[in-house]
């Protein structure tokens, strides 16, 4: 009897609660939208003489494309969606805002 029990291993099963991606994103939609609108307003005020459409269109396209690229990388690599992915999204969003503001400012100086 003891020989049969030697090869048996005890496996602990831990239930992880499922996190819905909508629940993670739902908290961040309003602040991201508000900062996006405020950023567009600031850019419109800063570059009103150098062309409003160009000053608003370039950052909008860049921000949307960069964040779409981030979401597609997360989807392709099948990274589990958790609070770190949401934080990464906000970080990428903030960096794309800063980058486009700096890029637009350097273009307007030339």
PDB file of N, CA and C in Angstrom:
ATOM      1  N   UNK A   1       0.810  -1.189   0.000  1.00  0.00           N
ATOM      2  CA  UNK A   1       0.000   0.000   0.000  1.00  0.00           C
ATOM      3  C   UNK A   1       0.859   1.262   0.000  1.00  0.00           C
ATOM      4  N   UNK A   2       1.948   1.252   0.719  1.00  0.00           N
ATOM      5  CA  UNK A   2       2.788   2.427   0.791  1.00  0.00           C
ATOM      6  C   UNK A   2       3.463   2.712  -0.547  1.00  0.00           C
ATOM      7  N   UNK A   3       3.753   1.702  -1.331  1.00  0.00           N
ATOM      8  CA  UNK A   3       4.405   1.896  -2.620  1.00  0.00           C
ATOM      9  C   UNK A   3       3.486   2.637  -3.592  1.00  0.00           C
ATOM     10  N   UNK A   4       2.210   2.408  -3.526  1.00  0.00           N
ATOM     11  CA  UNK A   4       1.263   3.069  -4.413  1.00  0.00           C
ATOM     12  C   UNK A   4       1.140   4.557  -4.093  1.00  0.00           C
ATOM     13  N   UNK A   5       1.303   4.949  -2.843  1.00  0.00           N
ATOM     14  CA  UNK A   5       1.157   6.352  -2.447  1.00  0.00           C
ATOM     15  C   UNK A   5       2.412   7.182  -2.732  1.00  0.00           C
ATOM     16  N   UNK A   6       3.541   6.544  -3.001  1.00  0.00           N
ATOM     17  CA  UNK A   6       4.771   7.292  -3.228  1.00  0.00           C
ATOM     18  C   UNK A   6       4.721   8.122  -4.515  1.00  0.00           C
ATOM     19  N   UNK A   7       4.080   7.668  -5.540  1.00  0.00           N
ATOM     20  CA  UNK A   7       4.035   8.367  -6.819  1.00  0.00           C
ATOM     21  C   UNK A   7       2.928   9.407  -6.913  1.00  0.00           C
ATOM     22  N   UNK A   8       2.127   9.563  -5.887  1.00  0.00           N
ATOM     23  CA  UNK A   8       1.000  10.483  -5.929  1.00  0.00           C
ATOM     24  C   UNK A   8       1.442  11.856  -5.410  1.00  0.00           C
ATOM     25  N   UNK A   9       1.140  12.898  -6.182  1.00  0.00           N
ATOM     26  CA  UNK A   9       1.437  14.265  -5.760  1.00  0.00           C
ATOM     27  C   UNK A   9       0.139  14.987  -5.466  1.00  0.00           C
ATOM     28  N   UNK A  10       0.192  15.860  -4.506  1.00  0.00           N
ATOM     29  CA  UNK A  10      -0.984  16.643  -4.156  1.00  0.00           C
ATOM     30  C   UNK A  10      -0.930  17.947  -4.949  1.00  0.00           C
ATOM     31  N   UNK A  11      -1.992  18.247  -5.645  1.00  0.00           N
ATOM     32  CA  UNK A  11      -2.081  19.449  -6.470  1.00  0.00           C
ATOM     33  C   UNK A  11      -3.121  20.379  -5.857  1.00  0.00           C
ATOM     34  N   UNK A  12      -2.706  21.607  -5.568  1.00  0.00           N
ATOM     35  CA  UNK A  12      -3.636  22.608  -5.054  1.00  0.00           C
ATOM     36  C   UNK A  12      -4.210  23.397  -6.222  1.00  0.00           C
ATOM     37  N   UNK A  13      -5.504  23.523  -6.253  1.00  0.00           N
ATOM     38  CA  UNK A  13      -6.178  24.293  -7.295  1.00  0.00           C
ATOM     39  C   UNK A  13      -6.655  25.593  -6.668  1.00  0.00           C
ATOM     40  N   UNK A  14      -6.206  26.687  -7.255  1.00  0.00           N
ATOM     41  CA  UNK A  14      -6.574  27.999  -6.752  1.00  0.00           C
ATOM     42  C   UNK A  14      -7.489  28.655  -7.776  1.00  0.00           C
ATOM     43  N   UNK A  15      -8.640  29.095  -7.347  1.00  0.00           N
ATOM     44  CA  UNK A  15      -9.578  29.779  -8.237  1.00  0.00           C
ATOM     45  C   UNK A  15      -9.224  31.254  -8.294  1.00  0.00           C
ATOM     46  N   UNK A  16      -8.923  31.731  -9.489  1.00  0.00           N
ATOM     47  CA  UNK A  16      -8.634  33.150  -9.705  1.00  0.00           C
ATOM     48  C   UNK A  16      -9.901  33.807 -10.245  1.00  0.00           C
ATOM     49  N   UNK A  17     -10.315  34.906  -9.643  1.00  0.00           N
ATOM     50  CA  UNK A  17     -11.518  35.556 -10.162  1.00  0.00           C
ATOM     51  C   UNK A  17     -11.260  36.121 -11.553  1.00  0.00           C
ATOM     52  N   UNK A  18     -12.236  35.992 -12.402  1.00  0.00           N
ATOM     53  CA  UNK A  18     -12.102  36.489 -13.768  1.00  0.00           C
ATOM     54  C   UNK A  18     -12.332  38.000 -13.783  1.00  0.00           C
ATOM     55  N   UNK A  19     -11.431  38.696 -14.432  1.00  0.00           N
ATOM     56  CA  UNK A  19     -11.541  40.148 -14.525  1.00  0.00           C
ATOM     57  C   UNK A  19     -12.018  40.496 -15.926  1.00  0.00           C
ATOM     58  N   UNK A  20     -13.086  41.220 -15.998  1.00  0.00           N
ATOM     59  CA  UNK A  20     -13.605  41.645 -17.289  1.00  0.00           C
ATOM     60  C   UNK A  20     -12.864  42.907 -17.723  1.00  0.00           C
ATOM     61  N   UNK A  21     -12.449  42.936 -18.969  1.00  0.00           N
ATOM     62  CA  UNK A  21     -11.685  44.081 -19.482  1.00  0.00           C
ATOM     63  C   UNK A  21     -12.508  45.363 -19.426  1.00  0.00           C
ATOM     64  N   UNK A  22     -13.811  45.246 -19.593  1.00  0.00           N
ATOM     65  CA  UNK A  22     -14.666  46.437 -19.542  1.00  0.00           C
ATOM     66  C   UNK A  22     -14.649  47.073 -18.156  1.00  0.00           C
ATOM     67  N   UNK A  23     -14.580  46.231 -17.121  1.00  0.00           N
ATOM     68  CA  UNK A  23     -14.538  46.768 -15.762  1.00  0.00           C
ATOM     69  C   UNK A  23     -13.261  47.554 -15.514  1.00  0.00           C
ATOM     70  N   UNK A  24     -12.150  47.103 -16.086  1.00  0.00           N
ATOM     71  CA  UNK A  24     -10.890  47.826 -15.926  1.00  0.00           C
ATOM     72  C   UNK A  24     -10.893  49.136 -16.699  1.00  0.00           C
ATOM     73  N   UNK A  25     -11.426  49.100 -17.900  1.00  0.00           N
ATOM     74  CA  UNK A  25     -11.382  50.267 -18.778  1.00  0.00           C
ATOM     75  C   UNK A  25     -12.437  51.300 -18.387  1.00  0.00           C
ATOM     76  N   UNK A  26     -13.550  50.836 -17.835  1.00  0.00           N
ATOM     77  CA  UNK A  26     -14.662  51.725 -17.520  1.00  0.00           C
ATOM     78  C   UNK A  26     -14.248  52.857 -16.572  1.00  0.00           C
ATOM     79  N   UNK A  27     -13.354  52.564 -15.650  1.00  0.00           N
ATOM     80  CA  UNK A  27     -12.918  53.577 -14.691  1.00  0.00           C
ATOM     81  C   UNK A  27     -12.040  54.645 -15.330  1.00  0.00           C
ATOM     82  N   UNK A  28     -11.396  54.313 -16.439  1.00  0.00           N
ATOM     83  CA  UNK A  28     -10.417  55.217 -17.033  1.00  0.00           C
ATOM     84  C   UNK A  28     -10.934  55.988 -18.246  1.00  0.00           C
ATOM     85  N   UNK A  29     -12.127  55.700 -18.712  1.00  0.00           N
ATOM     86  CA  UNK A  29     -12.627  56.337 -19.932  1.00  0.00           C
ATOM     87  C   UNK A  29     -12.853  57.839 -19.731  1.00  0.00           C
ATOM     88  N   UNK A  30     -13.538  58.215 -18.661  1.00  0.00           N
ATOM     89  CA  UNK A  30     -13.814  59.640 -18.437  1.00  0.00           C
ATOM     90  C   UNK A  30     -12.535  60.456 -18.262  1.00  0.00           C
ATOM     91  N   UNK A  31     -11.604  60.044 -17.386  1.00  0.00           N
ATOM     92  CA  UNK A  31     -10.384  60.856 -17.250  1.00  0.00           C
ATOM     93  C   UNK A  31      -9.574  60.958 -18.540  1.00  0.00           C
ATOM     94  N   UNK A  32      -9.515  59.875 -19.305  1.00  0.00           N
ATOM     95  CA  UNK A  32      -8.768  59.914 -20.564  1.00  0.00           C
ATOM     96  C   UNK A  32      -9.453  60.847 -21.554  1.00  0.00           C
ATOM     97  N   UNK A  33     -10.763  60.785 -21.633  1.00  0.00           N
ATOM     98  CA  UNK A  33     -11.489  61.673 -22.547  1.00  0.00           C
ATOM     99  C   UNK A  33     -11.334  63.132 -22.132  1.00  0.00           C
ATOM    100  N   UNK A  34     -11.404  63.395 -20.841  1.00  0.00           N
ATOM    101  CA  UNK A  34     -11.261  64.773 -20.356  1.00  0.00           C
ATOM    102  C   UNK A  34      -9.861  65.304 -20.657  1.00  0.00           C
ATOM    103  N   UNK A  35      -8.816  64.505 -20.383  1.00  0.00           N
ATOM    104  CA  UNK A  35      -7.455  64.972 -20.666  1.00  0.00           C
ATOM    105  C   UNK A  35      -7.224  65.140 -22.157  1.00  0.00           C
ATOM    106  N   UNK A  36      -7.850  64.290 -22.969  1.00  0.00           N
ATOM    107  CA  UNK A  36      -7.714  64.415 -24.422  1.00  0.00           C
ATOM    108  C   UNK A  36      -8.326  65.723 -24.906  1.00  0.00           C
ATOM    109  N   UNK A  37      -9.507  66.035 -24.420  1.00  0.00           N
ATOM    110  CA  UNK A  37     -10.179  67.280 -24.829  1.00  0.00           C
ATOM    111  C   UNK A  37      -9.397  68.494 -24.338  1.00  0.00           C
ATOM    112  N   UNK A  38      -8.934  68.444 -23.086  1.00  0.00           N
ATOM    113  CA  UNK A  38      -8.142  69.564 -22.547  1.00  0.00           C
ATOM    114  C   UNK A  38      -6.858  69.744 -23.357  1.00  0.00           C
ATOM    115  N   UNK A  39      -6.218  68.640 -23.712  1.00  0.00           N
ATOM    116  CA  UNK A  39      -4.996  68.725 -24.515  1.00  0.00           C
ATOM    117  C   UNK A  39      -5.274  69.333 -25.876  1.00  0.00           C
ATOM    118  N   UNK A  40      -6.365  68.938 -26.500  1.00  0.00           N
ATOM    119  CA  UNK A  40      -6.710  69.522 -27.801  1.00  0.00           C
ATOM    120  C   UNK A  40      -7.013  71.015 -27.682  1.00  0.00           C
ATOM    121  N   UNK A  41      -7.658  71.411 -26.592  1.00  0.00           N
ATOM    122  CA  UNK A  41      -7.941  72.833 -26.386  1.00  0.00           C
ATOM    123  C   UNK A  41      -6.644  73.618 -26.199  1.00  0.00           C
ATOM    124  N   UNK A  42      -5.727  73.067 -25.396  1.00  0.00           N
ATOM    125  CA  UNK A  42      -4.439  73.737 -25.173  1.00  0.00           C
ATOM    126  C   UNK A  42      -3.655  73.839 -26.478  1.00  0.00           C
ATOM    127  N   UNK A  43      -3.627  72.767 -27.260  1.00  0.00           N
ATOM    128  CA  UNK A  43      -2.929  72.803 -28.542  1.00  0.00           C
ATOM    129  C   UNK A  43      -3.572  73.800 -29.493  1.00  0.00           C
ATOM    130  N   UNK A  44      -4.890  73.890 -29.470  1.00  0.00           N
ATOM    131  CA  UNK A  44      -5.578  74.847 -30.336  1.00  0.00           C
ATOM    132  C   UNK A  44      -5.235  76.278 -29.941  1.00  0.00           C
ATOM    133  N   UNK A  45      -5.122  76.527 -28.640  1.00  0.00           N
ATOM    134  CA  UNK A  45      -4.763  77.874 -28.185  1.00  0.00           C
ATOM    135  C   UNK A  45      -3.302  78.182 -28.519  1.00  0.00           C
ATOM    136  N   UNK A  46      -2.419  77.220 -28.302  1.00  0.00           N
ATOM    137  CA  UNK A  46      -0.991  77.439 -28.547  1.00  0.00           C
ATOM    138  C   UNK A  46      -0.684  77.687 -30.024  1.00  0.00           C
ATOM    139  N   UNK A  47      -1.361  76.952 -30.887  1.00  0.00           N
ATOM    140  CA  UNK A  47      -1.017  76.997 -32.311  1.00  0.00           C
ATOM    141  C   UNK A  47      -2.142  77.584 -33.155  1.00  0.00           C
ATOM    142  N   UNK A  48      -2.873  78.538 -32.629  1.00  0.00           N
ATOM    143  CA  UNK A  48      -4.001  79.094 -33.376  1.00  0.00           C
ATOM    144  C   UNK A  48      -3.556  79.890 -34.593  1.00  0.00           C
ATOM    145  N   UNK A  49      -2.352  80.427 -34.568  1.00  0.00           N
ATOM    146  CA  UNK A  49      -1.875  81.214 -35.699  1.00  0.00           C
ATOM    147  C   UNK A  49      -1.191  80.362 -36.764  1.00  0.00           C
ATOM    148  N   UNK A  50      -0.691  79.192 -36.375  1.00  0.00           N
ATOM    149  CA  UNK A  50       0.051  78.366 -37.336  1.00  0.00           C
ATOM    150  C   UNK A  50      -0.816  77.320 -38.019  1.00  0.00           C
ATOM    151  N   UNK A  51      -2.067  77.334 -37.782  1.00  0.00           N
ATOM    152  CA  UNK A  51      -2.967  76.388 -38.438  1.00  0.00           C
ATOM    153  C   UNK A  51      -3.641  75.479 -37.431  1.00  0.00           C
ATOM    154  N   UNK A  52      -4.887  75.733 -37.173  1.00  0.00           N
ATOM    155  CA  UNK A  52      -5.635  75.002 -36.156  1.00  0.00           C
ATOM    156  C   UNK A  52      -5.850  73.545 -36.541  1.00  0.00           C
ATOM    157  N   UNK A  53      -6.167  73.300 -37.799  1.00  0.00           N
ATOM    158  CA  UNK A  53      -6.467  71.930 -38.221  1.00  0.00           C
ATOM    159  C   UNK A  53      -5.230  71.056 -38.105  1.00  0.00           C
ATOM    160  N   UNK A  54      -4.094  71.573 -38.543  1.00  0.00           N
ATOM    161  CA  UNK A  54      -2.845  70.812 -38.461  1.00  0.00           C
ATOM    162  C   UNK A  54      -2.464  70.553 -37.006  1.00  0.00           C
ATOM    163  N   UNK A  55      -2.664  71.545 -36.143  1.00  0.00           N
ATOM    164  CA  UNK A  55      -2.305  71.413 -34.735  1.00  0.00           C
ATOM    165  C   UNK A  55      -3.205  70.423 -34.012  1.00  0.00           C
ATOM    166  N   UNK A  56      -4.414  70.231 -34.481  1.00  0.00           N
ATOM    167  CA  UNK A  56      -5.332  69.300 -33.832  1.00  0.00           C
ATOM    168  C   UNK A  56      -5.346  67.931 -34.499  1.00  0.00           C
ATOM    169  N   UNK A  57      -5.149  67.893 -35.798  1.00  0.00           N
ATOM    170  CA  UNK A  57      -5.251  66.641 -36.531  1.00  0.00           C
ATOM    171  C   UNK A  57      -4.061  65.716 -36.283  1.00  0.00           C
ATOM    172  N   UNK A  58      -2.854  66.257 -36.287  1.00  0.00           N
ATOM    173  CA  UNK A  58      -1.658  65.427 -36.090  1.00  0.00           C
ATOM    174  C   UNK A  58      -1.663  64.747 -34.714  1.00  0.00           C
ATOM    175  N   UNK A  59      -1.875  65.476 -33.609  1.00  0.00           N
ATOM    176  CA  UNK A  59      -1.901  64.783 -32.313  1.00  0.00           C
ATOM    177  C   UNK A  59      -3.028  63.766 -32.196  1.00  0.00           C
ATOM    178  N   UNK A  60      -4.179  64.078 -32.757  1.00  0.00           N
ATOM    179  CA  UNK A  60      -5.294  63.138 -32.686  1.00  0.00           C
ATOM    180  C   UNK A  60      -4.957  61.837 -33.406  1.00  0.00           C
ATOM    181  N   UNK A  61      -4.416  61.933 -34.596  1.00  0.00           N
ATOM    182  CA  UNK A  61      -4.066  60.736 -35.364  1.00  0.00           C
ATOM    183  C   UNK A  61      -2.961  59.950 -34.665  1.00  0.00           C
ATOM    184  N   UNK A  62      -1.954  60.645 -34.156  1.00  0.00           N
ATOM    185  CA  UNK A  62      -0.841  59.961 -33.489  1.00  0.00           C
ATOM    186  C   UNK A  62      -1.319  59.244 -32.233  1.00  0.00           C
ATOM    187  N   UNK A  63      -2.119  59.904 -31.419  1.00  0.00           N
ATOM    188  CA  UNK A  63      -2.596  59.299 -30.175  1.00  0.00           C
ATOM    189  C   UNK A  63      -3.451  58.077 -30.471  1.00  0.00           C
ATOM    190  N   UNK A  64      -4.339  58.174 -31.440  1.00  0.00           N
ATOM    191  CA  UNK A  64      -5.197  57.033 -31.779  1.00  0.00           C
ATOM    192  C   UNK A  64      -4.371  55.881 -32.339  1.00  0.00           C
ATOM    193  N   UNK A  65      -3.430  56.174 -33.213  1.00  0.00           N
ATOM    194  CA  UNK A  65      -2.613  55.110 -33.816  1.00  0.00           C
ATOM    195  C   UNK A  65      -1.698  54.431 -32.796  1.00  0.00           C
ATOM    196  N   UNK A  66      -1.076  55.222 -31.921  1.00  0.00           N
ATOM    197  CA  UNK A  66      -0.182  54.632 -30.917  1.00  0.00           C
ATOM    198  C   UNK A  66      -0.951  53.742 -29.959  1.00  0.00           C
ATOM    199  N   UNK A  67      -2.110  54.192 -29.509  1.00  0.00           N
ATOM    200  CA  UNK A  67      -2.901  53.372 -28.593  1.00  0.00           C
ATOM    201  C   UNK A  67      -3.504  52.160 -29.289  1.00  0.00           C
ATOM    202  N   UNK A  68      -3.861  52.283 -30.552  1.00  0.00           N
ATOM    203  CA  UNK A  68      -4.335  51.119 -31.302  1.00  0.00           C
ATOM    204  C   UNK A  68      -3.220  50.098 -31.471  1.00  0.00           C
ATOM    205  N   UNK A  69      -2.005  50.574 -31.683  1.00  0.00           N
ATOM    206  CA  UNK A  69      -0.855  49.683 -31.773  1.00  0.00           C
ATOM    207  C   UNK A  69      -0.631  48.953 -30.453  1.00  0.00           C
ATOM    208  N   UNK A  70      -0.747  49.666 -29.328  1.00  0.00           N
ATOM    209  CA  UNK A  70      -0.588  49.040 -28.012  1.00  0.00           C
ATOM    210  C   UNK A  70      -1.646  47.968 -27.781  1.00  0.00           C
ATOM    211  N   UNK A  71      -2.891  48.280 -28.098  1.00  0.00           N
ATOM    212  CA  UNK A  71      -3.975  47.309 -27.909  1.00  0.00           C
ATOM    213  C   UNK A  71      -3.785  46.101 -28.821  1.00  0.00           C
ATOM    214  N   UNK A  72      -3.328  46.326 -30.053  1.00  0.00           N
ATOM    215  CA  UNK A  72      -3.123  45.195 -30.961  1.00  0.00           C
ATOM    216  C   UNK A  72      -1.955  44.330 -30.502  1.00  0.00           C
ATOM    217  N   UNK A  73      -0.898  44.933 -29.949  1.00  0.00           N
ATOM    218  CA  UNK A  73       0.215  44.136 -29.421  1.00  0.00           C
ATOM    219  C   UNK A  73      -0.254  43.288 -28.249  1.00  0.00           C
ATOM    220  N   UNK A  74      -1.067  43.872 -27.369  1.00  0.00           N
ATOM    221  CA  UNK A  74      -1.607  43.109 -26.235  1.00  0.00           C
ATOM    222  C   UNK A  74      -2.483  41.966 -26.745  1.00  0.00           C
ATOM    223  N   UNK A  75      -3.250  42.216 -27.788  1.00  0.00           N
ATOM    224  CA  UNK A  75      -4.129  41.175 -28.335  1.00  0.00           C
ATOM    225  C   UNK A  75      -3.344  40.079 -29.042  1.00  0.00           C
ATOM    226  N   UNK A  76      -2.365  40.458 -29.844  1.00  0.00           N
ATOM    227  CA  UNK A  76      -1.593  39.471 -30.598  1.00  0.00           C
ATOM    228  C   UNK A  76      -0.773  38.594 -29.667  1.00  0.00           C
ATOM    229  N   UNK A  77      -0.163  39.196 -28.660  1.00  0.00           N
ATOM    230  CA  UNK A  77       0.650  38.423 -27.727  1.00  0.00           C
ATOM    231  C   UNK A  77      -0.180  37.708 -26.674  1.00  0.00           C
ATOM    232  N   UNK A  78      -1.478  37.943 -26.674  1.00  0.00           N
ATOM    233  CA  UNK A  78      -2.413  37.323 -25.738  1.00  0.00           C
ATOM    234  C   UNK A  78      -1.997  37.548 -24.283  1.00  0.00           C
ATOM    235  N   UNK A  79      -1.622  38.779 -24.016  1.00  0.00           N
ATOM    236  CA  UNK A  79      -1.260  39.157 -22.652  1.00  0.00           C
ATOM    237  C   UNK A  79      -2.557  39.224 -21.849  1.00  0.00           C
ATOM    238  N   UNK A  80      -2.585  38.591 -20.671  1.00  0.00           N
ATOM    239  CA  UNK A  80      -3.817  38.647 -19.878  1.00  0.00           C
ATOM    240  C   UNK A  80      -4.131  40.079 -19.458  1.00  0.00           C
ATOM    241  N   UNK A  81      -5.367  40.453 -19.636  1.00  0.00           N
ATOM    242  CA  UNK A  81      -5.788  41.811 -19.318  1.00  0.00           C
ATOM    243  C   UNK A  81      -5.969  41.927 -17.811  1.00  0.00           C
ATOM    244  N   UNK A  82      -5.169  42.792 -17.207  1.00  0.00           N
ATOM    245  CA  UNK A  82      -5.281  43.052 -15.777  1.00  0.00           C
ATOM    246  C   UNK A  82      -4.978  44.514 -15.535  1.00  0.00           C
ATOM    247  N   UNK A  83      -4.785  44.876 -14.273  1.00  0.00           N
ATOM    248  CA  UNK A  83      -4.560  46.293 -13.970  1.00  0.00           C
ATOM    249  C   UNK A  83      -3.239  46.805 -14.520  1.00  0.00           C
ATOM    250  N   UNK A  84      -2.272  45.913 -14.752  1.00  0.00           N
ATOM    251  CA  UNK A  84      -0.997  46.341 -15.328  1.00  0.00           C
ATOM    252  C   UNK A  84      -1.150  46.739 -16.794  1.00  0.00           C
ATOM    253  N   UNK A  85      -1.980  46.046 -17.518  1.00  0.00           N
ATOM    254  CA  UNK A  85      -2.232  46.391 -18.917  1.00  0.00           C
ATOM    255  C   UNK A  85      -2.956  47.737 -18.992  1.00  0.00           C
ATOM    256  N   UNK A  86      -3.906  47.957 -18.087  1.00  0.00           N
ATOM    257  CA  UNK A  86      -4.613  49.239 -18.060  1.00  0.00           C
ATOM    258  C   UNK A  86      -3.653  50.372 -17.695  1.00  0.00           C
ATOM    259  N   UNK A  87      -2.749  50.122 -16.747  1.00  0.00           N
ATOM    260  CA  UNK A  87      -1.759  51.134 -16.386  1.00  0.00           C
ATOM    261  C   UNK A  87      -0.807  51.390 -17.548  1.00  0.00           C
ATOM    262  N   UNK A  88      -0.453  50.340 -18.270  1.00  0.00           N
ATOM    263  CA  UNK A  88       0.388  50.494 -19.449  1.00  0.00           C
ATOM    264  C   UNK A  88      -0.297  51.323 -20.518  1.00  0.00           C
ATOM    265  N   UNK A  89      -1.595  51.121 -20.672  1.00  0.00           N
ATOM    266  CA  UNK A  89      -2.361  51.904 -21.639  1.00  0.00           C
ATOM    267  C   UNK A  89      -2.327  53.387 -21.277  1.00  0.00           C
ATOM    268  N   UNK A  90      -2.510  53.687 -20.003  1.00  0.00           N
ATOM    269  CA  UNK A  90      -2.491  55.080 -19.563  1.00  0.00           C
ATOM    270  C   UNK A  90      -1.098  55.675 -19.744  1.00  0.00           C
ATOM    271  N   UNK A  91      -0.055  54.886 -19.471  1.00  0.00           N
ATOM    272  CA  UNK A  91       1.314  55.357 -19.662  1.00  0.00           C
ATOM    273  C   UNK A  91       1.587  55.658 -21.140  1.00  0.00           C
ATOM    274  N   UNK A  92       1.181  54.750 -22.014  1.00  0.00           N
ATOM    275  CA  UNK A  92       1.366  54.961 -23.457  1.00  0.00           C
ATOM    276  C   UNK A  92       0.576  56.185 -23.914  1.00  0.00           C
ATOM    277  N   UNK A  93      -0.611  56.349 -23.391  1.00  0.00           N
ATOM    278  CA  UNK A  93      -1.437  57.510 -23.728  1.00  0.00           C
ATOM    279  C   UNK A  93      -0.744  58.799 -23.298  1.00  0.00           C
ATOM    280  N   UNK A  94      -0.235  58.828 -22.073  1.00  0.00           N
ATOM    281  CA  UNK A  94       0.434  60.031 -21.567  1.00  0.00           C
ATOM    282  C   UNK A  94       1.689  60.331 -22.374  1.00  0.00           C
ATOM    283  N   UNK A  95       2.470  59.304 -22.693  1.00  0.00           N
ATOM    284  CA  UNK A  95       3.695  59.524 -23.462  1.00  0.00           C
ATOM    285  C   UNK A  95       3.386  59.992 -24.877  1.00  0.00           C
ATOM    286  N   UNK A  96       2.311  59.492 -25.458  1.00  0.00           N
ATOM    287  CA  UNK A  96       1.954  59.951 -26.797  1.00  0.00           C
ATOM    288  C   UNK A  96       1.457  61.397 -26.765  1.00  0.00           C
ATOM    289  N   UNK A  97       0.771  61.790 -25.684  1.00  0.00           N
ATOM    290  CA  UNK A  97       0.370  63.196 -25.537  1.00  0.00           C
ATOM    291  C   UNK A  97       1.591  64.099 -25.438  1.00  0.00           C
ATOM    292  N   UNK A  98       2.526  63.725 -24.587  1.00  0.00           N
ATOM    293  CA  UNK A  98       3.729  64.537 -24.402  1.00  0.00           C
ATOM    294  C   UNK A  98       4.545  64.582 -25.692  1.00  0.00           C
ATOM    295  N   UNK A  99       4.705  63.436 -26.328  1.00  0.00           N
ATOM    296  CA  UNK A  99       5.478  63.379 -27.566  1.00  0.00           C
ATOM    297  C   UNK A  99       4.887  64.207 -28.681  1.00  0.00           C
ATOM    298  N   UNK A 100       3.581  64.138 -28.848  1.00  0.00           N
ATOM    299  CA  UNK A 100       2.954  64.929 -29.918  1.00  0.00           C
ATOM    300  C   UNK A 100       2.978  66.412 -29.598  1.00  0.00           C
ATOM    301  N   UNK A 101       2.866  66.777 -28.321  1.00  0.00           N
ATOM    302  CA  UNK A 101       2.956  68.197 -27.959  1.00  0.00           C
ATOM    303  C   UNK A 101       4.350  68.734 -28.257  1.00  0.00           C
ATOM    304  N   UNK A 102       5.376  67.962 -27.915  1.00  0.00           N
ATOM    305  CA  UNK A 102       6.747  68.391 -28.209  1.00  0.00           C
ATOM    306  C   UNK A 102       7.003  68.441 -29.708  1.00  0.00           C
ATOM    307  N   UNK A 103       6.495  67.440 -30.432  1.00  0.00           N
ATOM    308  CA  UNK A 103       6.679  67.400 -31.881  1.00  0.00           C
ATOM    309  C   UNK A 103       5.986  68.589 -32.550  1.00  0.00           C
ATOM    310  N   UNK A 104       4.775  68.864 -32.134  1.00  0.00           N
ATOM    311  CA  UNK A 104       4.033  69.976 -32.717  1.00  0.00           C
ATOM    312  C   UNK A 104       4.704  71.305 -32.386  1.00  0.00           C
ATOM    313  N   UNK A 105       5.261  71.409 -31.197  1.00  0.00           N
ATOM    314  CA  UNK A 105       5.937  72.655 -30.812  1.00  0.00           C
ATOM    315  C   UNK A 105       7.208  72.877 -31.631  1.00  0.00           C
ATOM    316  N   UNK A 106       7.958  71.785 -31.893  1.00  0.00           N
ATOM    317  CA  UNK A 106       9.176  71.931 -32.702  1.00  0.00           C
ATOM    318  C   UNK A 106       8.839  72.251 -34.155  1.00  0.00           C
ATOM    319  N   UNK A 107       7.746  71.716 -34.653  1.00  0.00           N
ATOM    320  CA  UNK A 107       7.339  72.021 -36.037  1.00  0.00           C
ATOM    321  C   UNK A 107       6.921  73.491 -36.143  1.00  0.00           C
ATOM    322  N   UNK A 108       6.224  73.989 -35.155  1.00  0.00           N
ATOM    323  CA  UNK A 108       5.744  75.368 -35.247  1.00  0.00           C
ATOM    324  C   UNK A 108       6.889  76.378 -35.142  1.00  0.00           C
ATOM    325  N   UNK A 109       7.992  76.010 -34.477  1.00  0.00           N
ATOM    326  CA  UNK A 109       9.130  76.912 -34.376  1.00  0.00           C
ATOM    327  C   UNK A 109       9.865  77.039 -35.704  1.00  0.00           C
ATOM    328  N   UNK A 110       9.840  75.965 -36.519  1.00  0.00           N
ATOM    329  CA  UNK A 110      10.569  75.982 -37.804  1.00  0.00           C
ATOM    330  C   UNK A 110       9.792  76.699 -38.809  1.00  0.00           C
TER     331      UNK A 110
END
